[in-house]
Amino acid sequence: MKIDAGGGAFIEDDEGDRDTPFHMRVMRVTPVPNTRQGNYLDLACGHRVMSFGDLELLDGLVLCTACRDAAEAKR
């Protein structure tokens, strides 16, 4: 489920199959200021996402909704 967070940002769970063309390798992690578990994740595709929670659960892969949405828009 995609939730509009305003300002062009969306909140979306990364559940289900993690072996898709839109799951990208995390290249760099930067803490989000003034949060306990927030991180900016720079992805191999060049996009940046924000993640909250345990990074070990990601196993180095994150769903890039920007890449997925761009592919869907081309259809």
PDB file of N, CA and C in Angstrom:
ATOM      1  N   MET A   1       0.841  -1.173   0.000  1.00  0.00           N
ATOM      2  CA  MET A   1       0.000   0.000   0.000  1.00  0.00           C
ATOM      3  C   MET A   1       0.888   1.237   0.000  1.00  0.00           C
ATOM      4  N   LYS A   2       0.596   2.173  -0.856  1.00  0.00           N
ATOM      5  CA  LYS A   2       1.369   3.399  -1.004  1.00  0.00           C
ATOM      6  C   LYS A   2       0.623   4.536  -0.312  1.00  0.00           C
ATOM      7  N   ILE A   3       1.284   5.208   0.638  1.00  0.00           N
ATOM      8  CA  ILE A   3       0.679   6.299   1.391  1.00  0.00           C
ATOM      9  C   ILE A   3       1.390   7.591   1.021  1.00  0.00           C
ATOM     10  N   ASP A   4       0.632   8.605   0.592  1.00  0.00           N
ATOM     11  CA  ASP A   4       1.204   9.896   0.227  1.00  0.00           C
ATOM     12  C   ASP A   4       1.627  10.626   1.494  1.00  0.00           C
ATOM     13  N   ALA A   5       2.914  10.939   1.612  1.00  0.00           N
ATOM     14  CA  ALA A   5       3.438  11.648   2.783  1.00  0.00           C
ATOM     15  C   ALA A   5       3.575  13.138   2.500  1.00  0.00           C
ATOM     16  N   GLY A   6       3.177  13.585   1.322  1.00  0.00           N
ATOM     17  CA  GLY A   6       3.253  14.997   0.958  1.00  0.00           C
ATOM     18  C   GLY A   6       4.610  15.363   0.381  1.00  0.00           C
ATOM     19  N   GLY A   7       4.639  16.426  -0.368  1.00  0.00           N
ATOM     20  CA  GLY A   7       5.880  16.911  -0.956  1.00  0.00           C
ATOM     21  C   GLY A   7       6.526  15.944  -1.934  1.00  0.00           C
ATOM     22  N   GLY A   8       5.737  15.078  -2.545  1.00  0.00           N
ATOM     23  CA  GLY A   8       6.276  14.115  -3.497  1.00  0.00           C
ATOM     24  C   GLY A   8       6.857  12.870  -2.857  1.00  0.00           C
ATOM     25  N   ALA A   9       6.685  12.717  -1.542  1.00  0.00           N
ATOM     26  CA  ALA A   9       7.205  11.544  -0.827  1.00  0.00           C
ATOM     27  C   ALA A   9       6.069  10.576  -0.541  1.00  0.00           C
ATOM     28  N   PHE A  10       6.403   9.283  -0.547  1.00  0.00           N
ATOM     29  CA  PHE A  10       5.426   8.248  -0.269  1.00  0.00           C
ATOM     30  C   PHE A  10       5.999   7.262   0.731  1.00  0.00           C
ATOM     31  N   ILE A  11       5.132   6.636   1.494  1.00  0.00           N
ATOM     32  CA  ILE A  11       5.509   5.583   2.436  1.00  0.00           C
ATOM     33  C   ILE A  11       4.966   4.287   1.879  1.00  0.00           C
ATOM     34  N   GLU A  12       5.829   3.283   1.792  1.00  0.00           N
ATOM     35  CA  GLU A  12       5.406   2.000   1.240  1.00  0.00           C
ATOM     36  C   GLU A  12       6.198   0.874   1.886  1.00  0.00           C
ATOM     37  N   ASP A  13       5.500  -0.177   2.311  1.00  0.00           N
ATOM     38  CA  ASP A  13       6.165  -1.352   2.873  1.00  0.00           C
ATOM     39  C   ASP A  13       6.903  -2.108   1.782  1.00  0.00           C
ATOM     40  N   ASP A  14       8.021  -2.704   2.156  1.00  0.00           N
ATOM     41  CA  ASP A  14       8.780  -3.548   1.232  1.00  0.00           C
ATOM     42  C   ASP A  14       8.567  -4.988   1.661  1.00  0.00           C
ATOM     43  N   GLU A  15       7.417  -5.529   1.291  1.00  0.00           N
ATOM     44  CA  GLU A  15       7.066  -6.897   1.659  1.00  0.00           C
ATOM     45  C   GLU A  15       6.933  -7.734   0.398  1.00  0.00           C
ATOM     46  N   GLY A  16       7.033  -9.024   0.572  1.00  0.00           N
ATOM     47  CA  GLY A  16       6.851  -9.920  -0.561  1.00  0.00           C
ATOM     48  C   GLY A  16       8.169 -10.310  -1.198  1.00  0.00           C
ATOM     49  N   ASP A  17       8.113 -10.628  -2.491  1.00  0.00           N
ATOM     50  CA  ASP A  17       9.266 -11.099  -3.242  1.00  0.00           C
ATOM     51  C   ASP A  17      10.346 -10.019  -3.288  1.00  0.00           C
ATOM     52  N   ARG A  18      11.559 -10.365  -2.873  1.00  0.00           N
ATOM     53  CA  ARG A  18      12.663  -9.403  -2.854  1.00  0.00           C
ATOM     54  C   ARG A  18      13.630  -9.632  -4.011  1.00  0.00           C
ATOM     55  N   ASP A  19      13.240 -10.452  -4.981  1.00  0.00           N
ATOM     56  CA  ASP A  19      14.083 -10.730  -6.134  1.00  0.00           C
ATOM     57  C   ASP A  19      13.419 -10.164  -7.388  1.00  0.00           C
ATOM     58  N   THR A  20      13.255  -8.829  -7.388  1.00  0.00           N
ATOM     59  CA  THR A  20      12.637  -8.162  -8.533  1.00  0.00           C
ATOM     60  C   THR A  20      13.670  -7.248  -9.177  1.00  0.00           C
ATOM     61  N   PRO A  21      13.427  -6.810 -10.401  1.00  0.00           N
ATOM     62  CA  PRO A  21      14.369  -5.881 -11.046  1.00  0.00           C
ATOM     63  C   PRO A  21      14.436  -4.533 -10.340  1.00  0.00           C
ATOM     64  N   PHE A  22      13.493  -4.251  -9.458  1.00  0.00           N
ATOM     65  CA  PHE A  22      13.428  -2.950  -8.792  1.00  0.00           C
ATOM     66  C   PHE A  22      14.005  -2.971  -7.382  1.00  0.00           C
ATOM     67  N   HIS A  23      14.497  -4.103  -6.944  1.00  0.00           N
ATOM     68  CA  HIS A  23      15.212  -4.173  -5.672  1.00  0.00           C
ATOM     69  C   HIS A  23      16.680  -3.869  -5.959  1.00  0.00           C
ATOM     70  N   MET A  24      17.153  -2.764  -5.392  1.00  0.00           N
ATOM     71  CA  MET A  24      18.492  -2.265  -5.684  1.00  0.00           C
ATOM     72  C   MET A  24      19.412  -2.437  -4.478  1.00  0.00           C
ATOM     73  N   ARG A  25      20.686  -2.587  -4.765  1.00  0.00           N
ATOM     74  CA  ARG A  25      21.706  -2.724  -3.729  1.00  0.00           C
ATOM     75  C   ARG A  25      21.904  -1.382  -3.024  1.00  0.00           C
ATOM     76  N   VAL A  26      22.013  -1.410  -1.690  1.00  0.00           N
ATOM     77  CA  VAL A  26      22.296  -0.216  -0.893  1.00  0.00           C
ATOM     78  C   VAL A  26      23.793   0.061  -0.987  1.00  0.00           C
ATOM     79  N   MET A  27      24.134   1.255  -1.447  1.00  0.00           N
ATOM     80  CA  MET A  27      25.537   1.621  -1.636  1.00  0.00           C
ATOM     81  C   MET A  27      26.091   2.435  -0.466  1.00  0.00           C
ATOM     82  N   ARG A  28      25.246   3.275   0.139  1.00  0.00           N
ATOM     83  CA  ARG A  28      25.696   4.126   1.247  1.00  0.00           C
ATOM     84  C   ARG A  28      24.533   4.390   2.183  1.00  0.00           C
ATOM     85  N   VAL A  29      24.833   4.444   3.480  1.00  0.00           N
ATOM     86  CA  VAL A  29      23.835   4.710   4.515  1.00  0.00           C
ATOM     87  C   VAL A  29      24.246   5.975   5.257  1.00  0.00           C
ATOM     88  N   THR A  30      23.302   6.921   5.384  1.00  0.00           N
ATOM     89  CA  THR A  30      23.530   8.159   6.114  1.00  0.00           C
ATOM     90  C   THR A  30      22.395   8.340   7.112  1.00  0.00           C
ATOM     91  N   PRO A  31      22.691   8.553   8.396  1.00  0.00           N
ATOM     92  CA  PRO A  31      21.629   8.737   9.386  1.00  0.00           C
ATOM     93  C   PRO A  31      20.782   9.977   9.099  1.00  0.00           C
ATOM     94  N   VAL A  32      19.481   9.872   9.366  1.00  0.00           N
ATOM     95  CA  VAL A  32      18.584  11.013   9.278  1.00  0.00           C
ATOM     96  C   VAL A  32      18.714  11.773  10.598  1.00  0.00           C
ATOM     97  N   PRO A  33      19.026  13.065  10.558  1.00  0.00           N
ATOM     98  CA  PRO A  33      19.167  13.828  11.798  1.00  0.00           C
ATOM     99  C   PRO A  33      17.892  13.808  12.640  1.00  0.00           C
ATOM    100  N   ASN A  34      18.069  13.788  13.937  1.00  0.00           N
ATOM    101  CA  ASN A  34      16.973  13.856  14.914  1.00  0.00           C
ATOM    102  C   ASN A  34      16.035  12.655  14.882  1.00  0.00           C
ATOM    103  N   THR A  35      16.530  11.508  14.434  1.00  0.00           N
ATOM    104  CA  THR A  35      15.754  10.261  14.497  1.00  0.00           C
ATOM    105  C   THR A  35      16.613   9.196  15.158  1.00  0.00           C
ATOM    106  N   ARG A  36      15.962   8.181  15.691  1.00  0.00           N
ATOM    107  CA  ARG A  36      16.700   7.085  16.327  1.00  0.00           C
ATOM    108  C   ARG A  36      17.099   6.009  15.332  1.00  0.00           C
ATOM    109  N   GLN A  37      16.204   5.689  14.421  1.00  0.00           N
ATOM    110  CA  GLN A  37      16.457   4.592  13.485  1.00  0.00           C
ATOM    111  C   GLN A  37      16.268   4.990  12.032  1.00  0.00           C
ATOM    112  N   GLY A  38      16.229   6.270  11.742  1.00  0.00           N
ATOM    113  CA  GLY A  38      16.047   6.713  10.362  1.00  0.00           C
ATOM    114  C   GLY A  38      17.357   6.796   9.617  1.00  0.00           C
ATOM    115  N   ASN A  39      17.334   6.347   8.372  1.00  0.00           N
ATOM    116  CA  ASN A  39      18.523   6.387   7.520  1.00  0.00           C
ATOM    117  C   ASN A  39      18.138   6.741   6.093  1.00  0.00           C
ATOM    118  N   TYR A  40      19.009   7.543   5.438  1.00  0.00           N
ATOM    119  CA  TYR A  40      18.920   7.728   4.004  1.00  0.00           C
ATOM    120  C   TYR A  40      19.757   6.631   3.371  1.00  0.00           C
ATOM    121  N   LEU A  41      19.224   5.984   2.361  1.00  0.00           N
ATOM    122  CA  LEU A  41      19.932   4.908   1.681  1.00  0.00           C
ATOM    123  C   LEU A  41      20.156   5.314   0.233  1.00  0.00           C
ATOM    124  N   ASP A  42      21.407   5.424  -0.160  1.00  0.00           N
ATOM    125  CA  ASP A  42      21.744   5.692  -1.553  1.00  0.00           C
ATOM    126  C   ASP A  42      21.830   4.351  -2.274  1.00  0.00           C
ATOM    127  N   LEU A  43      21.074   4.230  -3.364  1.00  0.00           N
ATOM    128  CA  LEU A  43      20.954   2.949  -4.064  1.00  0.00           C
ATOM    129  C   LEU A  43      21.835   2.901  -5.307  1.00  0.00           C
ATOM    130  N   ALA A  44      22.082   1.696  -5.786  1.00  0.00           N
ATOM    131  CA  ALA A  44      22.921   1.481  -6.966  1.00  0.00           C
ATOM    132  C   ALA A  44      22.341   2.156  -8.206  1.00  0.00           C
ATOM    133  N   CYS A  45      21.038   2.361  -8.249  1.00  0.00           N
ATOM    134  CA  CYS A  45      20.390   2.986  -9.404  1.00  0.00           C
ATOM    135  C   CYS A  45      20.556   4.498  -9.403  1.00  0.00           C
ATOM    136  N   GLY A  46      21.044   5.067  -8.291  1.00  0.00           N
ATOM    137  CA  GLY A  46      21.224   6.507  -8.195  1.00  0.00           C
ATOM    138  C   GLY A  46      20.144   7.208  -7.390  1.00  0.00           C
ATOM    139  N   HIS A  47      19.085   6.515  -7.040  1.00  0.00           N
ATOM    140  CA  HIS A  47      18.028   7.112  -6.241  1.00  0.00           C
ATOM    141  C   HIS A  47      18.373   7.034  -4.751  1.00  0.00           C
ATOM    142  N   ARG A  48      17.682   7.837  -3.964  1.00  0.00           N
ATOM    143  CA  ARG A  48      17.856   7.848  -2.514  1.00  0.00           C
ATOM    144  C   ARG A  48      16.505   7.605  -1.874  1.00  0.00           C
ATOM    145  N   VAL A  49      16.480   6.696  -0.893  1.00  0.00           N
ATOM    146  CA  VAL A  49      15.259   6.407  -0.155  1.00  0.00           C
ATOM    147  C   VAL A  49      15.523   6.603   1.328  1.00  0.00           C
ATOM    148  N   MET A  50      14.441   6.720   2.081  1.00  0.00           N
ATOM    149  CA  MET A  50      14.538   6.838   3.523  1.00  0.00           C
ATOM    150  C   MET A  50      13.984   5.565   4.133  1.00  0.00           C
ATOM    151  N   SER A  51      14.678   5.042   5.126  1.00  0.00           N
ATOM    152  CA  SER A  51      14.283   3.798   5.769  1.00  0.00           C
ATOM    153  C   SER A  51      14.294   3.983   7.274  1.00  0.00           C
ATOM    154  N   PHE A  52      13.340   3.355   7.940  1.00  0.00           N
ATOM    155  CA  PHE A  52      13.288   3.374   9.400  1.00  0.00           C
ATOM    156  C   PHE A  52      13.253   1.944   9.890  1.00  0.00           C
ATOM    157  N   GLY A  53      14.055   1.644  10.882  1.00  0.00           N
ATOM    158  CA  GLY A  53      14.056   0.304  11.450  1.00  0.00           C
ATOM    159  C   GLY A  53      15.414  -0.353  11.315  1.00  0.00           C
ATOM    160  N   ASP A  54      15.412  -1.653  11.510  1.00  0.00           N
ATOM    161  CA  ASP A  54      16.631  -2.461  11.533  1.00  0.00           C
ATOM    162  C   ASP A  54      17.162  -2.669  10.121  1.00  0.00           C
ATOM    163  N   LEU A  55      18.346  -2.139   9.840  1.00  0.00           N
ATOM    164  CA  LEU A  55      18.937  -2.265   8.499  1.00  0.00           C
ATOM    165  C   LEU A  55      19.348  -3.689   8.170  1.00  0.00           C
ATOM    166  N   GLU A  56      19.596  -4.506   9.169  1.00  0.00           N
ATOM    167  CA  GLU A  56      19.985  -5.901   8.906  1.00  0.00           C
ATOM    168  C   GLU A  56      18.867  -6.671   8.223  1.00  0.00           C
ATOM    169  N   LEU A  57      17.625  -6.271   8.449  1.00  0.00           N
ATOM    170  CA  LEU A  57      16.493  -6.943   7.808  1.00  0.00           C
ATOM    171  C   LEU A  57      16.455  -6.699   6.305  1.00  0.00           C
ATOM    172  N   LEU A  58      17.112  -5.638   5.853  1.00  0.00           N
ATOM    173  CA  LEU A  58      17.119  -5.313   4.425  1.00  0.00           C
ATOM    174  C   LEU A  58      17.969  -6.275   3.619  1.00  0.00           C
ATOM    175  N   ASP A  59      18.961  -6.852   4.250  1.00  0.00           N
ATOM    176  CA  ASP A  59      19.890  -7.765   3.574  1.00  0.00           C
ATOM    177  C   ASP A  59      20.558  -7.097   2.372  1.00  0.00           C
ATOM    178  N   GLY A  60      20.776  -5.778   2.487  1.00  0.00           N
ATOM    179  CA  GLY A  60      21.482  -5.045   1.439  1.00  0.00           C
ATOM    180  C   GLY A  60      20.664  -4.673   0.219  1.00  0.00           C
ATOM    181  N   LEU A  61      19.365  -5.016   0.205  1.00  0.00           N
ATOM    182  CA  LEU A  61      18.498  -4.716  -0.935  1.00  0.00           C
ATOM    183  C   LEU A  61      17.289  -3.904  -0.496  1.00  0.00           C
ATOM    184  N   VAL A  62      16.910  -2.947  -1.342  1.00  0.00           N
ATOM    185  CA  VAL A  62      15.752  -2.108  -1.043  1.00  0.00           C
ATOM    186  C   VAL A  62      14.933  -1.930  -2.318  1.00  0.00           C
ATOM    187  N   LEU A  63      13.621  -1.925  -2.169  1.00  0.00           N
ATOM    188  CA  LEU A  63      12.730  -1.657  -3.290  1.00  0.00           C
ATOM    189  C   LEU A  63      12.851  -0.194  -3.677  1.00  0.00           C
ATOM    190  N   CYS A  64      13.196   0.083  -4.926  1.00  0.00           N
ATOM    191  CA  CYS A  64      13.255   1.452  -5.427  1.00  0.00           C
ATOM    192  C   CYS A  64      11.928   1.742  -6.121  1.00  0.00           C
ATOM    193  N   THR A  65      11.075   2.470  -5.428  1.00  0.00           N
ATOM    194  CA  THR A  65       9.764   2.774  -5.993  1.00  0.00           C
ATOM    195  C   THR A  65       9.872   3.750  -7.155  1.00  0.00           C
ATOM    196  N   ALA A  66      10.915   4.579  -7.183  1.00  0.00           N
ATOM    197  CA  ALA A  66      11.098   5.510  -8.298  1.00  0.00           C
ATOM    198  C   ALA A  66      11.354   4.739  -9.599  1.00  0.00           C
ATOM    199  N   CYS A  67      12.220   3.728  -9.541  1.00  0.00           N
ATOM    200  CA  CYS A  67      12.482   2.901 -10.726  1.00  0.00           C
ATOM    201  C   CYS A  67      11.231   2.118 -11.134  1.00  0.00           C
ATOM    202  N   ARG A  68      10.537   1.563 -10.153  1.00  0.00           N
ATOM    203  CA  ARG A  68       9.330   0.789 -10.447  1.00  0.00           C
ATOM    204  C   ARG A  68       8.257   1.665 -11.065  1.00  0.00           C
ATOM    205  N   ASP A  69       8.037   2.864 -10.477  1.00  0.00           N
ATOM    206  CA  ASP A  69       7.000   3.746 -10.993  1.00  0.00           C
ATOM    207  C   ASP A  69       7.335   4.252 -12.383  1.00  0.00           C
ATOM    208  N   ALA A  70       8.627   4.506 -12.662  1.00  0.00           N
ATOM    209  CA  ALA A  70       9.039   4.934 -14.002  1.00  0.00           C
ATOM    210  C   ALA A  70       8.777   3.842 -15.034  1.00  0.00           C
ATOM    211  N   ALA A  71       9.050   2.596 -14.660  1.00  0.00           N
ATOM    212  CA  ALA A  71       8.796   1.470 -15.568  1.00  0.00           C
ATOM    213  C   ALA A  71       7.306   1.307 -15.825  1.00  0.00           C
ATOM    214  N   GLU A  72       6.489   1.508 -14.800  1.00  0.00           N
ATOM    215  CA  GLU A  72       5.037   1.394 -14.973  1.00  0.00           C
ATOM    216  C   GLU A  72       4.489   2.526 -15.829  1.00  0.00           C
ATOM    217  N   ALA A  73       5.087   3.709 -15.714  1.00  0.00           N
ATOM    218  CA  ALA A  73       4.631   4.860 -16.504  1.00  0.00           C
ATOM    219  C   ALA A  73       4.936   4.663 -17.989  1.00  0.00           C
ATOM    220  N   LYS A  74       5.984   3.907 -18.317  1.00  0.00           N
ATOM    221  CA  LYS A  74       6.364   3.657 -19.718  1.00  0.00           C
ATOM    222  C   LYS A  74       5.429   2.665 -20.397  1.00  0.00           C
ATOM    223  N   ARG A  75       4.693   1.913 -19.603  1.00  0.00           N
ATOM    224  CA  ARG A  75       3.783   0.910 -20.192  1.00  0.00           C
ATOM    225  C   ARG A  75       2.665   1.515 -20.960  1.00  0.00           C
TER     226      ARG A  75
END
